[in-house]
N, C-alpha and C. Protein backbone atom coordinates (compact mmCIF):
# COMPACT_ATOMS: atom_id res chain seq x y z
N MET A 1 106.31 86.18 57.90
CA MET A 1 106.12 87.67 57.80
C MET A 1 105.17 87.68 59.13
N LYS A 2 104.51 86.91 59.65
CA LYS A 2 104.09 87.18 60.60
C LYS A 2 104.90 87.30 62.33
N ASP A 3 106.31 86.49 62.05
CA ASP A 3 107.44 86.80 62.81
C ASP A 3 107.72 88.23 62.60
N LEU A 4 108.09 88.75 61.33
CA LEU A 4 108.43 90.13 61.40
C LEU A 4 107.31 90.71 62.13
N LEU A 5 106.46 91.01 61.61
CA LEU A 5 104.98 91.89 62.12
C LEU A 5 105.15 91.87 63.80
N LEU A 6 105.41 90.54 64.27
CA LEU A 6 105.42 90.63 65.89
C LEU A 6 106.65 91.29 66.45
N ALA A 7 107.84 90.97 65.46
CA ALA A 7 109.02 91.64 66.02
C ALA A 7 108.89 93.25 65.63
N ALA A 8 108.23 93.41 65.03
CA ALA A 8 107.79 95.35 64.52
C ALA A 8 107.17 95.92 66.01
N VAL A 9 106.04 94.88 65.65
CA VAL A 9 105.00 95.15 67.44
C VAL A 9 105.99 95.49 68.44
N LEU A 10 106.72 94.51 68.88
CA LEU A 10 107.53 94.43 69.82
C LEU A 10 108.62 95.81 70.22
N VAL A 11 108.87 95.84 68.97
CA VAL A 11 110.52 97.00 68.84
C VAL A 11 109.17 98.15 69.32
N LEU A 12 108.06 98.75 68.35
CA LEU A 12 107.56 99.62 68.86
C LEU A 12 106.93 99.94 70.19
N SER A 13 106.80 98.97 70.70
CA SER A 13 106.34 98.71 72.18
C SER A 13 106.96 99.23 73.09
N SER A 14 108.14 98.71 72.70
CA SER A 14 109.61 98.94 74.15
C SER A 14 109.75 100.43 73.51
N VAL A 15 109.89 101.12 72.29
CA VAL A 15 110.30 102.26 72.44
C VAL A 15 109.42 103.03 72.54
N ASN A 16 108.34 102.93 72.85
CA ASN A 16 106.81 104.01 73.27
C ASN A 16 106.96 103.77 74.66
N ALA A 17 107.33 102.47 75.38
CA ALA A 17 107.21 102.41 76.83
C ALA A 17 108.50 103.27 77.41
N HIS A 18 109.75 102.79 76.49
CA HIS A 18 110.92 103.78 76.96
C HIS A 18 110.69 105.37 77.20
N ALA A 19 109.90 105.52 75.98
CA ALA A 19 109.57 107.15 75.81
C ALA A 19 108.83 107.73 76.59
N GLN A 20 108.00 106.58 77.43
CA GLN A 20 106.83 106.97 78.26
C GLN A 20 107.62 106.94 79.68
N SER A 21 108.76 106.40 79.79
CA SER A 21 109.85 106.41 81.14
C SER A 21 110.23 107.47 81.25
N GLN A 22 110.89 108.03 80.04
CA GLN A 22 111.41 109.21 79.96
C GLN A 22 110.92 110.50 80.54
N GLN A 23 109.63 110.58 80.10
CA GLN A 23 108.61 111.70 80.30
C GLN A 23 107.80 111.09 81.15
N PRO A 24 107.67 110.56 82.37
CA PRO A 24 106.76 110.49 83.37
C PRO A 24 105.67 111.82 84.01
N TYR A 25 106.28 112.80 84.05
CA TYR A 25 105.75 113.77 84.26
C TYR A 25 104.91 114.84 83.03
N SER A 26 105.13 114.32 81.94
CA SER A 26 104.64 115.01 80.77
C SER A 26 103.14 115.38 80.88
N GLY A 27 102.61 116.42 80.99
CA GLY A 27 101.79 117.13 80.74
C GLY A 27 101.40 117.29 82.32
N MET A 28 102.00 117.43 83.09
CA MET A 28 101.78 117.79 84.37
C MET A 28 102.12 119.30 84.93
N GLN A 29 102.95 119.59 84.01
CA GLN A 29 103.14 120.94 83.66
C GLN A 29 102.10 122.31 83.74
N SER A 30 101.04 121.48 82.87
CA SER A 30 100.00 122.66 82.75
C SER A 30 98.91 122.55 83.45
N ARG A 31 99.20 121.59 85.00
CA ARG A 31 98.28 121.73 86.42
C ARG A 31 98.17 122.76 86.73
N PRO A 32 97.50 123.55 87.52
CA PRO A 32 96.93 124.61 87.86
C PRO A 32 98.16 124.57 89.70
N LEU A 33 98.28 123.46 90.04
CA LEU A 33 99.11 123.23 91.39
C LEU A 33 99.69 122.08 90.81
N LYS A 34 100.92 122.09 90.89
CA LYS A 34 101.88 121.06 90.34
C LYS A 34 101.89 119.77 91.23
N ALA A 35 101.82 120.08 92.29
CA ALA A 35 102.13 118.78 93.32
C ALA A 35 101.08 117.93 93.70
N LEU A 36 99.55 118.49 93.15
CA LEU A 36 98.70 117.87 93.20
C LEU A 36 97.50 117.80 91.97
N SER A 37 97.22 116.59 92.05
CA SER A 37 96.01 116.45 90.77
C SER A 37 94.86 117.09 91.07
N GLU A 38 94.38 117.48 90.02
CA GLU A 38 92.44 118.03 90.20
C GLU A 38 91.52 116.92 91.39
N ALA A 39 92.23 115.48 91.48
CA ALA A 39 91.17 114.38 92.28
C ALA A 39 91.81 114.68 93.40
N GLN A 40 93.29 114.64 93.65
CA GLN A 40 93.59 114.93 95.15
C GLN A 40 92.93 116.52 95.69
N ILE A 41 92.95 117.24 95.05
CA ILE A 41 92.70 118.62 95.39
C ILE A 41 91.09 118.26 95.62
N ALA A 42 90.06 117.63 95.03
CA ALA A 42 88.68 117.41 95.41
C ALA A 42 88.85 116.33 96.33
N ASP A 43 89.70 115.53 96.67
CA ASP A 43 89.31 114.82 97.59
C ASP A 43 89.61 115.86 99.11
N LEU A 44 90.81 116.53 99.18
CA LEU A 44 91.09 117.05 100.00
C LEU A 44 89.89 118.14 100.27
N ARG A 45 89.48 118.83 99.37
CA ARG A 45 88.45 119.65 99.70
C ARG A 45 87.13 119.21 100.44
N ALA A 46 86.88 117.61 100.15
CA ALA A 46 85.74 117.22 100.67
C ALA A 46 85.72 116.33 101.86
N GLY A 47 86.86 116.27 102.52
CA GLY A 47 87.45 115.67 103.73
C GLY A 47 87.87 114.23 103.49
N ARG A 48 88.06 113.72 102.36
CA ARG A 48 88.18 112.55 102.00
C ARG A 48 89.59 112.21 102.33
N GLY A 49 89.95 110.98 102.79
CA GLY A 49 91.22 110.44 103.44
C GLY A 49 92.02 109.74 102.51
N LYS A 50 91.46 108.81 101.38
CA LYS A 50 92.02 107.81 100.78
C LYS A 50 92.90 107.13 101.30
N THR A 51 94.12 107.58 100.94
CA THR A 51 95.11 106.59 101.78
C THR A 51 95.79 106.79 102.95
N LEU A 52 95.02 108.07 103.46
CA LEU A 52 96.04 108.19 104.68
C LEU A 52 96.08 107.47 106.11
N ALA A 53 94.62 106.87 105.82
CA ALA A 53 93.90 106.15 107.04
C ALA A 53 94.77 104.80 107.10
N LEU A 54 95.26 104.29 106.02
CA LEU A 54 95.71 102.67 105.77
C LEU A 54 96.19 102.01 106.82
N ALA A 55 97.09 102.69 107.60
CA ALA A 55 97.18 101.93 108.56
C ALA A 55 96.78 101.39 109.58
N ALA A 56 95.57 102.20 109.77
CA ALA A 56 94.61 101.76 110.41
C ALA A 56 93.01 100.68 109.75
N GLU A 57 92.99 101.30 108.85
CA GLU A 57 92.10 100.37 108.04
C GLU A 57 92.57 99.11 108.20
N LEU A 58 94.12 98.76 107.18
CA LEU A 58 94.54 97.71 106.92
C LEU A 58 94.66 96.66 108.30
N ASN A 59 94.90 97.38 109.13
CA ASN A 59 94.85 96.36 110.77
C ASN A 59 93.97 96.21 111.52
N GLY A 60 92.46 96.47 110.74
CA GLY A 60 91.29 95.92 111.66
C GLY A 60 90.73 97.36 112.19
N TYR A 61 90.78 98.40 111.85
CA TYR A 61 90.37 99.71 112.26
C TYR A 61 89.34 100.47 111.36
N PRO A 62 88.29 99.90 111.33
CA PRO A 62 87.63 100.61 109.90
C PRO A 62 87.11 102.16 110.51
N GLY A 63 86.95 102.77 109.42
CA GLY A 63 86.37 104.43 109.40
C GLY A 63 85.11 104.36 109.38
N PRO A 64 84.71 105.90 109.95
CA PRO A 64 83.12 105.89 109.84
C PRO A 64 82.56 105.76 108.37
N VAL A 65 83.15 106.10 107.50
CA VAL A 65 82.49 106.26 106.33
C VAL A 65 82.21 105.08 105.92
N HIS A 66 82.99 103.93 105.89
CA HIS A 66 82.76 102.85 105.26
C HIS A 66 81.89 101.85 106.10
N ILE A 67 81.69 102.30 107.42
CA ILE A 67 81.15 101.73 108.37
C ILE A 67 79.36 102.38 108.01
N ILE A 68 79.37 103.30 107.60
CA ILE A 68 78.31 104.10 107.27
C ILE A 68 77.81 103.38 105.85
N GLU A 69 78.79 103.29 105.08
CA GLU A 69 78.21 102.40 103.68
C GLU A 69 77.66 101.32 103.96
N LEU A 70 78.27 100.38 104.88
CA LEU A 70 77.82 98.87 105.11
C LEU A 70 77.03 98.78 106.27
N ALA A 71 76.33 99.92 106.49
CA ALA A 71 75.53 100.18 107.78
C ALA A 71 74.53 98.84 107.41
N ASP A 72 73.52 98.90 106.59
CA ASP A 72 72.79 97.30 106.84
C ASP A 72 73.50 95.98 106.88
N ALA A 73 74.34 96.07 105.91
CA ALA A 73 75.22 94.36 106.09
C ALA A 73 75.60 94.26 107.39
N LEU A 74 76.07 95.28 108.18
CA LEU A 74 76.59 95.22 109.57
C LEU A 74 75.63 95.63 110.54
N ALA A 75 73.96 95.35 110.27
CA ALA A 75 73.14 95.53 111.33
C ALA A 75 73.35 96.62 112.42
N LEU A 76 73.95 97.68 111.87
CA LEU A 76 73.88 98.73 112.57
C LEU A 76 72.88 99.32 113.32
N THR A 77 72.71 99.37 114.59
CA THR A 77 71.57 99.73 115.74
C THR A 77 71.51 101.43 115.29
N PRO A 78 70.20 101.66 115.74
CA PRO A 78 69.99 103.53 115.58
C PRO A 78 71.04 104.28 116.32
N GLU A 79 71.32 103.57 117.28
CA GLU A 79 72.16 104.43 118.15
C GLU A 79 73.67 104.37 117.21
N GLN A 80 74.01 103.25 117.07
CA GLN A 80 75.28 103.03 116.41
C GLN A 80 75.10 103.89 115.17
N ARG A 81 74.17 104.03 114.06
CA ARG A 81 74.30 104.79 112.84
C ARG A 81 74.66 106.27 113.18
N THR A 82 73.61 106.88 114.64
CA THR A 82 73.89 107.97 114.85
C THR A 82 75.13 108.48 115.25
N ARG A 83 75.62 107.49 116.02
CA ARG A 83 77.38 107.79 116.48
C ARG A 83 77.97 107.94 115.23
N MET A 84 78.08 106.94 114.27
CA MET A 84 78.74 106.65 113.01
C MET A 84 78.65 108.15 112.27
N HIS A 85 77.53 108.47 112.28
CA HIS A 85 77.35 109.86 111.01
C HIS A 85 77.65 110.99 112.28
N GLY A 86 77.89 110.98 113.37
CA GLY A 86 78.55 111.73 114.34
C GLY A 86 79.73 112.24 114.05
N LEU A 87 80.71 110.84 114.09
CA LEU A 87 82.16 110.90 113.81
C LEU A 87 82.37 111.18 112.55
N TYR A 88 81.32 110.93 111.31
CA TYR A 88 81.56 111.30 110.27
C TYR A 88 81.84 112.94 109.96
N GLN A 89 80.88 113.49 110.54
CA GLN A 89 80.60 114.88 110.33
C GLN A 89 82.00 115.74 111.34
N ALA A 90 82.06 115.13 112.34
CA ALA A 90 83.41 115.85 113.09
C ALA A 90 84.68 115.61 112.24
N MET A 91 84.48 114.15 111.86
CA MET A 91 86.21 114.13 110.73
C MET A 91 86.30 115.17 109.50
N LYS A 92 84.50 115.04 109.15
CA LYS A 92 85.13 116.08 107.90
C LYS A 92 85.19 117.67 108.52
N ALA A 93 84.65 117.94 109.50
CA ALA A 93 84.85 119.00 110.01
C ALA A 93 86.25 119.54 110.23
N GLU A 94 87.06 118.48 110.76
CA GLU A 94 88.53 118.81 110.87
C GLU A 94 89.46 118.87 109.49
N ALA A 95 88.55 117.61 108.98
CA ALA A 95 89.94 117.21 108.06
C ALA A 95 89.59 118.32 106.49
N VAL A 96 88.34 119.38 106.25
CA VAL A 96 88.36 119.97 105.31
C VAL A 96 89.29 121.32 105.33
N PRO A 97 89.08 121.56 106.70
CA PRO A 97 90.11 122.73 106.58
C PRO A 97 91.29 122.71 106.62
N LEU A 98 91.79 121.48 107.39
CA LEU A 98 92.96 121.26 106.59
C LEU A 98 93.30 120.68 105.39
N GLY A 99 92.41 119.89 104.71
CA GLY A 99 92.69 120.05 103.44
C GLY A 99 93.16 121.22 102.75
N GLU A 100 92.39 122.29 103.04
CA GLU A 100 92.33 123.67 102.22
C GLU A 100 93.39 124.21 102.61
N GLN A 101 94.12 124.05 103.95
CA GLN A 101 95.14 124.61 104.41
C GLN A 101 96.59 123.66 103.40
N LEU A 102 96.79 122.75 103.49
CA LEU A 102 97.60 122.09 102.64
C LEU A 102 97.16 122.41 101.00
N ILE A 103 96.57 122.47 100.60
CA ILE A 103 96.29 123.35 99.24
C ILE A 103 97.04 124.22 99.30
N ALA A 104 96.55 125.63 100.24
CA ALA A 104 97.24 126.70 100.14
C ALA A 104 98.63 126.57 100.26
N ARG A 105 98.96 125.79 101.27
CA ARG A 105 100.65 125.74 101.38
C ARG A 105 101.42 125.18 100.20
N GLU A 106 100.65 124.02 99.45
CA GLU A 106 101.37 123.43 98.30
C GLU A 106 101.37 124.90 97.08
N SER A 107 100.02 125.69 97.22
CA SER A 107 100.19 126.75 96.24
C SER A 107 101.07 127.66 96.50
N GLU A 108 101.96 128.11 97.84
CA GLU A 108 102.55 128.67 98.00
C GLU A 108 104.03 128.60 97.31
N LEU A 109 104.60 126.93 97.73
CA LEU A 109 105.31 126.54 97.19
C LEU A 109 105.77 126.90 95.89
N ASP A 110 104.17 126.17 95.26
CA ASP A 110 104.56 126.18 93.78
C ASP A 110 104.56 127.79 93.05
N ARG A 111 104.01 128.78 93.67
CA ARG A 111 104.09 130.04 93.50
C ARG A 111 105.46 130.49 93.24
N ALA A 112 106.29 129.96 94.74
CA ALA A 112 107.52 130.63 94.74
C ALA A 112 108.86 129.68 93.51
N PHE A 113 108.58 128.40 93.52
CA PHE A 113 108.85 127.98 92.30
C PHE A 113 108.86 128.81 90.90
N ALA A 114 107.56 128.84 90.54
CA ALA A 114 107.11 129.66 89.51
C ALA A 114 107.63 130.96 89.00
N SER A 115 107.79 131.66 90.24
CA SER A 115 108.27 133.18 90.29
C SER A 115 109.68 133.04 90.03
N ARG A 116 110.33 131.89 90.32
CA ARG A 116 111.98 132.09 90.68
C ARG A 116 112.22 132.81 92.03
N ASN A 117 111.53 132.79 93.02
CA ASN A 117 111.76 133.20 94.10
C ASN A 117 112.08 132.38 95.25
N VAL A 118 111.93 131.24 95.14
CA VAL A 118 112.22 130.24 96.11
C VAL A 118 113.78 130.18 96.46
N THR A 119 114.12 130.19 97.58
CA THR A 119 115.42 130.11 98.35
C THR A 119 115.14 129.17 99.25
N GLN A 120 116.70 129.05 99.85
CA GLN A 120 116.78 127.55 100.70
C GLN A 120 115.91 128.07 102.06
N PRO A 121 116.10 129.18 102.44
CA PRO A 121 115.03 129.42 103.84
C PRO A 121 113.75 129.46 103.70
N ILE A 122 113.32 130.08 102.13
CA ILE A 122 111.65 130.14 101.61
C ILE A 122 111.38 128.32 101.59
N LEU A 123 112.29 127.37 101.17
CA LEU A 123 111.63 126.12 100.68
C LEU A 123 112.12 125.54 102.19
N THR A 124 113.03 125.46 103.48
CA THR A 124 112.76 124.89 104.62
C THR A 124 111.38 125.31 105.43
N VAL A 125 111.04 126.59 105.35
CA VAL A 125 109.69 126.61 105.90
C VAL A 125 108.62 126.34 105.07
N ALA A 126 108.31 126.50 103.84
CA ALA A 126 107.33 125.86 103.01
C ALA A 126 107.34 124.37 103.31
N THR A 127 108.26 123.59 103.35
CA THR A 127 108.19 122.51 103.40
C THR A 127 107.76 121.38 104.46
N ALA A 128 108.29 122.51 105.57
CA ALA A 128 107.98 122.27 106.97
C ALA A 128 106.79 122.28 107.41
N GLN A 129 105.93 123.28 106.86
CA GLN A 129 104.54 123.94 106.87
C GLN A 129 103.58 122.76 106.29
N ILE A 130 103.90 122.19 105.01
CA ILE A 130 103.64 121.50 104.42
C ILE A 130 103.64 120.02 105.11
N GLY A 131 104.36 119.43 105.79
CA GLY A 131 104.81 118.27 106.29
C GLY A 131 103.79 118.36 107.73
N GLN A 132 103.92 119.47 108.48
CA GLN A 132 103.00 119.52 109.49
C GLN A 132 101.47 119.52 109.43
N THR A 133 101.22 119.92 108.21
CA THR A 133 99.33 119.90 107.94
C THR A 133 99.16 118.60 107.52
N GLN A 134 100.12 117.85 106.40
CA GLN A 134 99.78 116.32 106.26
C GLN A 134 100.07 115.66 107.38
N ALA A 135 100.54 116.12 108.38
CA ALA A 135 100.59 115.07 109.40
C ALA A 135 99.83 115.39 110.29
N ALA A 136 99.13 116.66 110.54
CA ALA A 136 97.55 116.84 111.20
C ALA A 136 96.55 116.16 110.64
N LEU A 137 96.56 116.08 108.98
CA LEU A 137 95.56 115.68 108.46
C LEU A 137 95.30 113.99 108.38
N ARG A 138 96.47 113.35 108.34
CA ARG A 138 96.53 112.18 108.86
C ARG A 138 96.14 111.78 109.97
N ALA A 139 96.88 112.86 111.10
CA ALA A 139 96.61 112.25 112.43
C ALA A 139 94.37 112.22 112.38
N THR A 140 94.12 113.33 111.84
CA THR A 140 92.92 113.39 112.02
C THR A 140 92.28 112.12 111.15
N HIS A 141 92.42 111.68 110.16
CA HIS A 141 91.53 110.56 109.69
C HIS A 141 92.18 109.18 110.78
N LEU A 142 93.36 109.17 111.08
CA LEU A 142 93.45 107.43 111.94
C LEU A 142 92.92 108.19 113.29
N ARG A 143 92.68 108.86 113.61
CA ARG A 143 92.22 109.22 115.21
C ARG A 143 90.63 108.66 114.94
N TYR A 144 89.95 108.81 113.68
CA TYR A 144 88.31 108.77 113.48
C TYR A 144 88.48 107.34 113.13
N HIS A 145 89.71 106.34 112.90
CA HIS A 145 88.91 105.25 112.96
C HIS A 145 89.43 104.78 114.47
N LEU A 146 90.02 105.26 115.05
CA LEU A 146 90.11 104.49 116.56
C LEU A 146 88.97 104.71 116.98
N LEU A 147 87.98 105.94 117.10
CA LEU A 147 86.91 106.06 117.66
C LEU A 147 85.89 105.24 117.10
N THR A 148 86.26 104.96 115.84
CA THR A 148 84.74 104.10 115.02
C THR A 148 84.93 102.69 115.83
N VAL A 149 86.04 102.15 116.07
CA VAL A 149 85.82 100.82 116.52
C VAL A 149 85.64 100.82 117.94
N GLU A 150 85.55 101.98 118.40
CA GLU A 150 84.93 101.92 120.19
C GLU A 150 83.47 101.94 119.76
N VAL A 151 82.59 101.99 118.88
CA VAL A 151 81.21 101.71 118.32
C VAL A 151 80.75 100.50 118.63
N LEU A 152 81.84 99.76 117.40
CA LEU A 152 81.48 98.18 116.93
C LEU A 152 81.21 97.00 118.26
N THR A 153 80.63 96.27 117.48
CA THR A 153 80.86 94.97 118.14
C THR A 153 81.97 94.24 117.66
N THR A 154 82.38 93.08 118.49
CA THR A 154 83.26 92.06 117.74
C THR A 154 82.62 91.60 116.42
N ASP A 155 81.30 90.99 116.45
CA ASP A 155 80.83 90.44 115.40
C ASP A 155 80.73 91.59 114.20
N GLN A 156 80.54 92.81 114.06
CA GLN A 156 80.63 93.60 113.25
C GLN A 156 81.94 94.09 112.82
N MET A 157 82.72 94.08 113.76
CA MET A 157 84.14 94.07 113.10
C MET A 157 84.67 92.83 112.16
N GLN A 158 84.48 91.58 112.43
CA GLN A 158 84.47 90.62 111.84
C GLN A 158 83.96 90.74 110.53
N THR A 159 82.48 91.18 110.45
CA THR A 159 81.69 90.94 109.61
C THR A 159 82.23 91.97 108.44
N TYR A 160 82.66 93.37 109.06
CA TYR A 160 83.32 94.30 108.26
C TYR A 160 84.76 93.80 107.38
N ALA A 161 85.23 92.91 107.81
CA ALA A 161 86.39 92.64 107.65
C ALA A 161 86.25 91.61 106.60
N ARG A 162 85.24 90.84 106.75
CA ARG A 162 85.03 89.87 105.75
C ARG A 162 84.40 90.58 104.33
N LEU A 163 83.75 91.60 104.56
CA LEU A 163 82.82 92.35 103.60
C LEU A 163 84.15 93.04 102.93
N ARG A 164 84.86 93.49 103.27
CA ARG A 164 85.77 94.18 102.88
C ARG A 164 87.32 93.52 102.49
N GLY A 165 86.72 92.04 102.37
CA GLY A 165 87.70 91.18 101.73
C GLY A 165 89.34 91.20 102.62
N TYR A 166 89.06 91.84 104.09
CA TYR A 166 90.34 91.64 104.60
C TYR A 166 90.46 90.04 105.36
N ALA A 167 89.37 89.51 105.79
CA ALA A 167 88.95 88.41 106.33
C ALA A 167 90.03 88.48 107.74
N ALA A 168 89.24 88.43 108.87
CA ALA A 168 90.27 88.88 110.31
C ALA A 168 91.30 87.81 110.34
N ALA A 169 92.57 88.53 110.42
CA ALA A 169 93.75 87.73 110.54
C ALA A 169 93.49 87.16 112.11
N PRO A 170 94.29 86.27 112.39
CA PRO A 170 94.24 85.53 113.78
C PRO A 170 95.46 86.59 114.60
N ASP A 171 96.23 87.19 113.75
CA ASP A 171 97.32 87.85 114.66
C ASP A 171 96.96 89.53 114.62
N GLN A 172 95.60 89.96 114.98
CA GLN A 172 95.25 91.32 115.08
C GLN A 172 95.99 91.95 115.75
N ARG A 173 96.43 93.18 115.72
CA ARG A 173 97.19 93.96 116.92
C ARG A 173 96.25 94.38 117.92
N HIS A 174 94.94 94.36 117.76
CA HIS A 174 94.22 94.95 118.92
C HIS A 174 92.92 93.85 119.01
N ASP A 175 92.06 94.07 120.33
CA ASP A 175 91.16 93.17 120.45
C ASP A 175 90.00 93.95 120.41
N PRO A 176 89.38 93.52 119.58
CA PRO A 176 87.68 94.27 119.20
C PRO A 176 86.77 94.17 120.44
N ALA A 177 87.22 92.86 121.04
CA ALA A 177 86.19 92.43 122.09
C ALA A 177 86.23 93.32 123.29
N MET A 178 87.46 93.94 123.32
CA MET A 178 87.60 94.75 124.68
C MET A 178 86.72 96.06 124.30
N HIS A 179 86.18 96.42 123.19
CA HIS A 179 84.84 97.46 122.91
C HIS A 179 83.83 96.62 122.68
N ASP A 180 83.52 95.57 122.87
CA ASP A 180 82.38 95.36 123.03
C ASP A 180 81.77 95.03 124.39
N SER A 181 80.86 96.16 124.50
CA SER A 181 80.01 96.10 125.80
C SER A 181 78.54 95.59 125.74
N GLY A 182 78.51 94.38 124.84
CA GLY A 182 77.45 93.67 125.14
C GLY A 182 76.28 94.39 124.22
N ARG A 183 76.71 95.29 122.94
CA ARG A 183 76.07 95.98 122.16
C ARG A 183 75.44 94.41 121.24
């Protein structure tokens, strides 16, 4: 009996998994903006980069937000704290308008499809504008990771990597010591 019950559960699980794989976007059709989730829209409006700066973050270039979060553990000086907050505010001042622009451009594309008025020229222009906005937003976040490194000492960079679970790799592509001016 146990074997029969186990077989039934496995079959039902398999059928359920197959049904879900056939409808991966089910429910998304009711989203106000089809290409972006509510969480993505909230992140864009708040200037959060999420995964936009992973190339920097995971290669030893921390961003200002995470440095601010770890300020005590990194023993930031008052000057470093002030600079980090300044970098964060400047980054946000650039990222928020770009996020709003991206939302607006995605909305335009969504409306063109919803109204059945999309044409190849409209599609080409809309996706090019979306791509340019995404590139500008990503470059903004990455640039502030570059600027953050200039404020930190070698020890702080190593501590950051350890605290974030990255443990400084011996083959780092940059030399944080070149930014260490005796701080």
